[in-house]
Every structure is written in structure tokens, then in C-alpha cells.
């Protein structure tokens, strides 16, 4: 399963520049960075998949940072999953 964590607003994002431009969470969202663990749980709170965030792509025009992730399922994935907002990170 593939997904993305998107952080809106330049106040919540730190933009980095090496050979390429990339981003991560800032302030209360500083746990959102490349390599951070992503865990998917079902309604009973059981882990059904795990992955990690990729490098963030800064989309300046929209003032958002998008970090893609891929989840490797180790239990049957439910038909519907609940995702959390940045306040839950």
C-alpha cells in the first residue's frame, strides 16, 4: 500500500537544500522526517502494516511538504483504514 503524509503551511515545515531541495516537519511536527516509522493499525488497535517516510518534496507554490511511504502488510489489510492528522503524530 502506498500513501503520503502532507504537511501544510510554511510554519510547520523545514526546507533543506543540498544537491536537491527536500523538506521535513518542524516545531510540533518535527517527528515527520525521512526514515520516520509509519504504522497502520486496524479498528482494534492491532498493527497491520509498517513502513517509513521517504524524503519530503517541498511544493513551494502550495506551501506543503509531501512525504510518500510504502506499507508492507504483515496482516490482512482491512477494507477501510483510519489515518491520523498531524496532531496525532
Protein backbone atom coordinates (compact mmCIF):
# COMPACT_ATOMS: atom_id res chain seq x y z
CA UNK A 1 0.00 0.00 0.00
CA UNK A 2 1.28 3.46 -0.84
CA UNK A 3 0.32 6.72 0.80
CA UNK A 4 1.60 10.17 1.67
CA UNK A 5 1.87 12.41 4.69
CA UNK A 6 1.24 16.02 3.66
CA UNK A 7 2.08 18.93 5.96
CA UNK A 8 0.58 22.30 5.02
CA UNK A 9 1.91 25.75 5.88
CA UNK A 10 5.47 27.03 5.82
CA UNK A 11 5.45 27.45 9.63
CA UNK A 12 5.13 23.66 10.01
CA UNK A 13 7.88 22.76 7.52
CA UNK A 14 11.66 22.99 7.44
CA UNK A 15 13.09 23.18 3.92
CA UNK A 16 16.59 21.79 3.36
CA UNK A 17 18.92 22.30 0.42
CA UNK A 18 21.81 20.03 -0.53
CA UNK A 19 22.09 18.87 -4.12
CA UNK A 20 18.28 18.83 -4.18
CA UNK A 21 15.60 20.59 -2.17
CA UNK A 22 13.71 18.47 0.38
CA UNK A 23 11.63 19.06 3.50
CA UNK A 24 10.62 17.69 6.88
CA UNK A 25 8.22 18.64 9.66
CA UNK A 26 9.08 21.50 12.03
CA UNK A 27 8.03 22.50 15.54
CA UNK A 28 5.44 20.09 16.92
CA UNK A 29 5.70 18.09 13.66
CA UNK A 30 9.49 17.58 13.83
CA UNK A 31 8.96 13.81 14.10
CA UNK A 32 7.87 13.80 10.46
CA UNK A 33 11.16 13.26 8.61
CA UNK A 34 12.80 10.88 6.17
CA UNK A 35 13.08 7.43 7.74
CA UNK A 36 10.43 8.02 10.43
CA UNK A 37 8.29 4.94 11.05
CA UNK A 38 4.71 4.79 9.74
CA UNK A 39 2.43 2.27 11.45
CA UNK A 40 -1.06 1.33 10.23
CA UNK A 41 -3.49 -0.15 12.75
CA UNK A 42 -6.95 -1.63 12.39
CA UNK A 43 -10.02 -0.61 14.43
CA UNK A 44 -8.91 -2.95 17.26
CA UNK A 45 -5.55 -1.20 17.50
CA UNK A 46 -3.62 -4.16 16.03
CA UNK A 47 -0.71 -3.34 13.75
CA UNK A 48 -1.48 -4.40 10.19
CA UNK A 49 1.42 -2.76 8.37
CA UNK A 50 4.62 -0.84 8.87
CA UNK A 51 6.83 1.35 6.68
CA UNK A 52 8.81 4.57 6.73
CA UNK A 53 8.61 8.06 5.29
CA UNK A 54 10.61 8.92 2.19
CA UNK A 55 12.39 12.25 1.68
CA UNK A 56 9.89 15.10 1.68
CA UNK A 57 9.17 17.03 -1.50
CA UNK A 58 8.67 20.77 -0.90
CA UNK A 59 5.90 22.19 -3.05
CA UNK A 60 6.57 25.90 -2.61
CA UNK A 61 3.65 27.13 -4.67
CA UNK A 62 1.23 25.27 -2.39
CA UNK A 63 3.32 25.68 0.80
CA UNK A 64 3.26 22.00 1.60
CA UNK A 65 5.68 19.17 2.24
CA UNK A 66 4.74 15.74 0.90
CA UNK A 67 6.45 12.60 2.22
CA UNK A 68 5.48 9.39 0.46
CA UNK A 69 5.55 6.00 2.17
CA UNK A 70 5.03 2.34 1.27
CA UNK A 71 3.49 -0.06 3.77
CA UNK A 72 4.47 -3.71 3.76
CA UNK A 73 1.43 -5.60 5.06
CA UNK A 74 2.11 -8.32 7.58
CA UNK A 75 -1.54 -8.94 8.38
CA UNK A 76 -4.55 -8.86 6.13
CA UNK A 77 -5.31 -5.25 5.34
CA UNK A 78 -8.79 -4.13 6.34
CA UNK A 79 -11.10 -2.76 3.68
CA UNK A 80 -11.09 0.62 5.40
CA UNK A 81 -8.24 2.21 7.32
CA UNK A 82 -8.22 5.24 9.58
CA UNK A 83 -5.46 7.79 9.06
CA UNK A 84 -4.49 10.42 11.56
CA UNK A 85 -3.91 14.15 11.28
CA UNK A 86 -0.64 15.87 12.13
CA UNK A 87 -1.92 16.49 15.67
CA UNK A 88 -1.74 12.73 16.27
CA UNK A 89 1.91 12.29 15.23
